[in-house]
N, C-alpha and C. Protein backbone atom coordinates (compact mmCIF):
# COMPACT_ATOMS: atom_id res chain seq x y z
N MET A 1 87.28 -1.96 -14.77
CA MET A 1 86.61 -3.22 -15.02
C MET A 1 85.21 -2.94 -15.55
N LYS A 2 84.85 -3.63 -16.59
CA LYS A 2 83.54 -3.45 -17.22
C LYS A 2 82.46 -4.15 -16.41
N GLU A 3 81.37 -3.44 -16.13
CA GLU A 3 80.26 -4.05 -15.43
C GLU A 3 79.35 -4.74 -16.45
N MET A 4 78.79 -5.88 -16.05
CA MET A 4 77.88 -6.59 -16.95
C MET A 4 76.50 -6.01 -16.83
N ASN A 5 75.89 -5.78 -17.96
CA ASN A 5 74.53 -5.25 -18.01
C ASN A 5 73.57 -6.42 -18.19
N VAL A 6 72.65 -6.57 -17.26
CA VAL A 6 71.71 -7.70 -17.33
C VAL A 6 70.81 -7.59 -18.55
N ALA A 7 70.49 -6.37 -18.97
CA ALA A 7 69.60 -6.17 -20.11
C ALA A 7 70.39 -6.09 -21.42
N ASP A 8 71.56 -6.70 -21.47
CA ASP A 8 72.40 -6.69 -22.66
C ASP A 8 71.71 -7.46 -23.79
N PRO A 9 71.57 -6.86 -24.97
CA PRO A 9 70.91 -7.57 -26.08
C PRO A 9 71.62 -8.86 -26.48
N ALA A 10 72.95 -8.88 -26.37
CA ALA A 10 73.69 -10.09 -26.73
C ALA A 10 73.34 -11.23 -25.78
N ALA A 11 73.17 -10.91 -24.51
CA ALA A 11 72.79 -11.94 -23.54
C ALA A 11 71.38 -12.44 -23.82
N GLY A 12 70.48 -11.54 -24.16
CA GLY A 12 69.12 -11.96 -24.48
C GLY A 12 69.07 -12.86 -25.70
N ALA A 13 69.87 -12.52 -26.71
CA ALA A 13 69.92 -13.35 -27.92
C ALA A 13 70.51 -14.71 -27.61
N ALA A 14 71.52 -14.75 -26.73
CA ALA A 14 72.13 -16.03 -26.36
C ALA A 14 71.12 -16.93 -25.65
N TRP A 15 70.32 -16.34 -24.74
CA TRP A 15 69.31 -17.14 -24.04
C TRP A 15 68.21 -17.58 -24.98
N THR A 16 67.86 -16.77 -25.96
CA THR A 16 66.85 -17.16 -26.94
C THR A 16 67.34 -18.35 -27.76
N ARG A 17 68.61 -18.30 -28.19
CA ARG A 17 69.20 -19.43 -28.93
C ARG A 17 69.22 -20.68 -28.07
N PHE A 18 69.56 -20.51 -26.78
CA PHE A 18 69.61 -21.66 -25.88
C PHE A 18 68.24 -22.32 -25.75
N ARG A 19 67.19 -21.53 -25.56
CA ARG A 19 65.85 -22.09 -25.44
C ARG A 19 65.42 -22.79 -26.73
N ARG A 20 65.75 -22.20 -27.88
CA ARG A 20 65.43 -22.83 -29.16
C ARG A 20 66.19 -24.15 -29.30
N LEU A 21 67.46 -24.16 -28.93
CA LEU A 21 68.27 -25.38 -28.99
C LEU A 21 67.66 -26.47 -28.11
N MET A 22 67.23 -26.10 -26.91
CA MET A 22 66.69 -27.11 -26.00
C MET A 22 65.35 -27.66 -26.48
N ARG A 23 64.56 -26.83 -27.14
CA ARG A 23 63.31 -27.35 -27.72
C ARG A 23 63.61 -28.40 -28.79
N TRP A 24 64.60 -28.13 -29.64
CA TRP A 24 64.98 -29.11 -30.65
C TRP A 24 65.56 -30.36 -30.00
N MET A 25 66.29 -30.18 -28.91
CA MET A 25 66.90 -31.33 -28.25
C MET A 25 65.87 -32.21 -27.55
N LEU A 26 64.72 -31.65 -27.18
CA LEU A 26 63.63 -32.48 -26.67
C LEU A 26 63.17 -33.46 -27.75
N LEU A 27 63.08 -32.97 -28.98
CA LEU A 27 62.71 -33.84 -30.10
C LEU A 27 63.79 -34.90 -30.33
N VAL A 28 65.05 -34.49 -30.32
CA VAL A 28 66.15 -35.43 -30.52
C VAL A 28 66.18 -36.48 -29.40
N ALA A 29 65.93 -36.04 -28.15
CA ALA A 29 65.89 -36.99 -27.04
C ALA A 29 64.76 -38.00 -27.23
N GLY A 30 63.61 -37.53 -27.69
CA GLY A 30 62.50 -38.44 -27.97
C GLY A 30 62.85 -39.47 -29.03
N LEU A 31 63.53 -39.01 -30.08
CA LEU A 31 63.96 -39.93 -31.14
C LEU A 31 64.99 -40.93 -30.62
N ALA A 32 65.90 -40.48 -29.77
CA ALA A 32 66.91 -41.37 -29.18
C ALA A 32 66.25 -42.42 -28.28
N ILE A 33 65.25 -41.99 -27.52
CA ILE A 33 64.52 -42.93 -26.67
C ILE A 33 63.82 -43.98 -27.52
N ALA A 34 63.13 -43.53 -28.57
CA ALA A 34 62.43 -44.46 -29.45
C ALA A 34 63.41 -45.44 -30.10
N ALA A 35 64.55 -44.94 -30.53
CA ALA A 35 65.55 -45.81 -31.16
C ALA A 35 66.10 -46.83 -30.16
N ALA A 36 66.38 -46.39 -28.94
CA ALA A 36 66.90 -47.31 -27.93
C ALA A 36 65.88 -48.38 -27.56
N LEU A 37 64.63 -47.96 -27.37
CA LEU A 37 63.59 -48.94 -27.04
C LEU A 37 63.33 -49.89 -28.20
N GLY A 38 63.36 -49.37 -29.42
CA GLY A 38 63.19 -50.22 -30.60
C GLY A 38 64.30 -51.24 -30.74
N TRP A 39 65.53 -50.79 -30.50
CA TRP A 39 66.67 -51.71 -30.59
C TRP A 39 66.60 -52.79 -29.51
N LEU A 40 66.24 -52.39 -28.29
CA LEU A 40 66.13 -53.38 -27.21
C LEU A 40 65.02 -54.39 -27.49
N ARG A 41 63.90 -53.90 -28.00
CA ARG A 41 62.79 -54.82 -28.32
C ARG A 41 63.18 -55.79 -29.43
N ALA A 42 63.87 -55.28 -30.45
CA ALA A 42 64.30 -56.15 -31.55
C ALA A 42 65.34 -57.16 -31.08
N SER A 43 66.17 -56.78 -30.14
CA SER A 43 67.23 -57.66 -29.66
C SER A 43 66.75 -58.68 -28.64
N TYR A 44 65.87 -58.25 -27.73
CA TYR A 44 65.50 -59.09 -26.60
C TYR A 44 64.03 -59.45 -26.51
N GLY A 45 63.23 -58.98 -27.44
CA GLY A 45 61.79 -59.26 -27.38
C GLY A 45 61.08 -58.25 -26.49
N PRO A 46 59.87 -58.60 -26.06
CA PRO A 46 59.11 -57.66 -25.23
C PRO A 46 59.88 -57.26 -23.96
N LEU A 47 59.80 -55.99 -23.63
CA LEU A 47 60.53 -55.46 -22.48
C LEU A 47 59.62 -55.34 -21.27
N PRO A 48 60.15 -55.65 -20.09
CA PRO A 48 59.39 -55.36 -18.88
C PRO A 48 59.22 -53.84 -18.74
N ILE A 49 58.14 -53.42 -18.13
CA ILE A 49 57.83 -52.00 -18.04
C ILE A 49 58.92 -51.23 -17.29
N ASN A 50 59.50 -51.85 -16.24
CA ASN A 50 60.54 -51.15 -15.49
C ASN A 50 61.80 -50.93 -16.34
N MET A 51 62.10 -51.87 -17.23
CA MET A 51 63.26 -51.71 -18.11
C MET A 51 63.00 -50.61 -19.15
N ALA A 52 61.78 -50.56 -19.66
CA ALA A 52 61.43 -49.53 -20.63
C ALA A 52 61.48 -48.14 -20.00
N ILE A 53 60.97 -48.01 -18.79
CA ILE A 53 61.00 -46.71 -18.09
C ILE A 53 62.43 -46.31 -17.78
N ALA A 54 63.22 -47.23 -17.27
CA ALA A 54 64.62 -46.93 -16.94
C ALA A 54 65.41 -46.54 -18.18
N THR A 55 65.18 -47.23 -19.28
CA THR A 55 65.87 -46.90 -20.53
C THR A 55 65.45 -45.52 -21.03
N ALA A 56 64.16 -45.25 -21.01
CA ALA A 56 63.67 -43.95 -21.48
C ALA A 56 64.23 -42.82 -20.64
N LEU A 57 64.20 -42.97 -19.33
CA LEU A 57 64.75 -41.92 -18.45
C LEU A 57 66.26 -41.77 -18.62
N GLY A 58 66.95 -42.88 -18.68
CA GLY A 58 68.41 -42.83 -18.83
C GLY A 58 68.85 -42.18 -20.13
N VAL A 59 68.28 -42.61 -21.22
CA VAL A 59 68.65 -42.07 -22.53
C VAL A 59 68.20 -40.61 -22.65
N GLY A 60 66.96 -40.33 -22.28
CA GLY A 60 66.44 -38.98 -22.40
C GLY A 60 67.18 -37.97 -21.56
N LEU A 61 67.39 -38.30 -20.29
CA LEU A 61 68.09 -37.36 -19.41
C LEU A 61 69.56 -37.19 -19.80
N THR A 62 70.18 -38.24 -20.31
CA THR A 62 71.57 -38.12 -20.75
C THR A 62 71.69 -37.16 -21.94
N VAL A 63 70.80 -37.30 -22.90
CA VAL A 63 70.82 -36.40 -24.07
C VAL A 63 70.54 -34.96 -23.64
N LEU A 64 69.53 -34.76 -22.80
CA LEU A 64 69.18 -33.41 -22.38
C LEU A 64 70.24 -32.78 -21.48
N LEU A 65 70.83 -33.55 -20.59
CA LEU A 65 71.88 -33.02 -19.73
C LEU A 65 73.11 -32.62 -20.53
N GLY A 66 73.53 -33.48 -21.44
CA GLY A 66 74.69 -33.17 -22.26
C GLY A 66 74.50 -31.93 -23.11
N THR A 67 73.36 -31.84 -23.77
CA THR A 67 73.12 -30.66 -24.63
C THR A 67 72.86 -29.42 -23.79
N GLY A 68 72.23 -29.57 -22.64
CA GLY A 68 71.98 -28.42 -21.77
C GLY A 68 73.27 -27.82 -21.24
N LEU A 69 74.17 -28.67 -20.77
CA LEU A 69 75.44 -28.15 -20.26
C LEU A 69 76.29 -27.52 -21.36
N MET A 70 76.33 -28.15 -22.51
CA MET A 70 77.09 -27.57 -23.61
C MET A 70 76.46 -26.25 -24.07
N GLY A 71 75.14 -26.20 -24.11
CA GLY A 71 74.46 -24.96 -24.46
C GLY A 71 74.75 -23.85 -23.48
N LEU A 72 74.82 -24.17 -22.19
CA LEU A 72 75.13 -23.16 -21.19
C LEU A 72 76.56 -22.62 -21.33
N VAL A 73 77.46 -23.45 -21.81
CA VAL A 73 78.83 -22.96 -22.09
C VAL A 73 78.77 -21.88 -23.16
N PHE A 74 78.00 -22.10 -24.20
CA PHE A 74 77.89 -21.12 -25.27
C PHE A 74 77.14 -19.87 -24.82
N VAL A 75 76.12 -20.02 -23.98
CA VAL A 75 75.41 -18.87 -23.44
C VAL A 75 76.35 -18.02 -22.59
N SER A 76 77.13 -18.68 -21.77
CA SER A 76 78.06 -17.97 -20.90
C SER A 76 79.07 -17.17 -21.71
N ARG A 77 79.56 -17.75 -22.77
CA ARG A 77 80.54 -17.07 -23.62
C ARG A 77 79.88 -15.92 -24.39
N ALA A 78 78.72 -16.15 -24.96
CA ALA A 78 78.06 -15.14 -25.79
C ALA A 78 77.53 -13.97 -24.97
N SER A 79 77.19 -14.20 -23.71
CA SER A 79 76.62 -13.13 -22.90
C SER A 79 77.68 -12.31 -22.18
N GLY A 80 78.95 -12.68 -22.28
CA GLY A 80 80.02 -11.90 -21.68
C GLY A 80 80.41 -12.34 -20.28
N HIS A 81 79.82 -13.39 -19.76
CA HIS A 81 80.16 -13.84 -18.42
C HIS A 81 81.58 -14.41 -18.34
N ASP A 82 82.14 -14.82 -19.45
CA ASP A 82 83.48 -15.41 -19.45
C ASP A 82 84.57 -14.40 -19.77
N ASP A 83 84.24 -13.15 -19.93
CA ASP A 83 85.24 -12.16 -20.34
C ASP A 83 86.41 -12.06 -19.37
N TYR A 84 86.15 -12.21 -18.09
CA TYR A 84 87.20 -12.01 -17.10
C TYR A 84 87.68 -13.31 -16.46
N ALA A 85 87.33 -14.43 -17.02
CA ALA A 85 87.68 -15.71 -16.41
C ALA A 85 89.18 -15.98 -16.40
N GLY A 86 89.90 -15.54 -17.41
CA GLY A 86 91.33 -15.82 -17.48
C GLY A 86 92.21 -14.69 -16.99
N GLU A 87 91.62 -13.60 -16.58
CA GLU A 87 92.43 -12.46 -16.14
C GLU A 87 92.98 -12.70 -14.74
N THR A 88 94.16 -12.16 -14.53
CA THR A 88 94.74 -12.17 -13.18
C THR A 88 94.79 -10.73 -12.70
N PHE A 89 94.46 -10.54 -11.47
CA PHE A 89 94.43 -9.21 -10.90
C PHE A 89 95.51 -9.11 -9.84
N GLU A 90 96.23 -8.02 -9.88
CA GLU A 90 97.25 -7.80 -8.86
C GLU A 90 96.60 -7.25 -7.61
N GLU A 91 97.02 -7.77 -6.49
CA GLU A 91 96.47 -7.28 -5.24
C GLU A 91 97.13 -5.96 -4.87
N GLU A 92 96.35 -5.08 -4.32
CA GLU A 92 96.89 -3.82 -3.87
C GLU A 92 97.50 -3.99 -2.50
N PRO A 93 98.67 -3.36 -2.27
CA PRO A 93 99.34 -3.54 -0.95
C PRO A 93 98.60 -2.88 0.17
């Protein structure tokens, strides 16, 4: 069985890509929040502050959670953590 090396360059590159992806997703989350608040204001007029905060948190965290979890799937695959996920091992008697 192959041991995983923590200092593996492929794993480091995967984490670097993940951090870069999440920085871009912060921008995308901000744009999604602005679009949602703009649409609500255009549809319903001025928004109460609690509705604006709830909308911003809901939209922002949803975008970041979705992209973060999907990004971690790719990090796990690229760093070799998934290499043995589908293997079956025979037990020794």
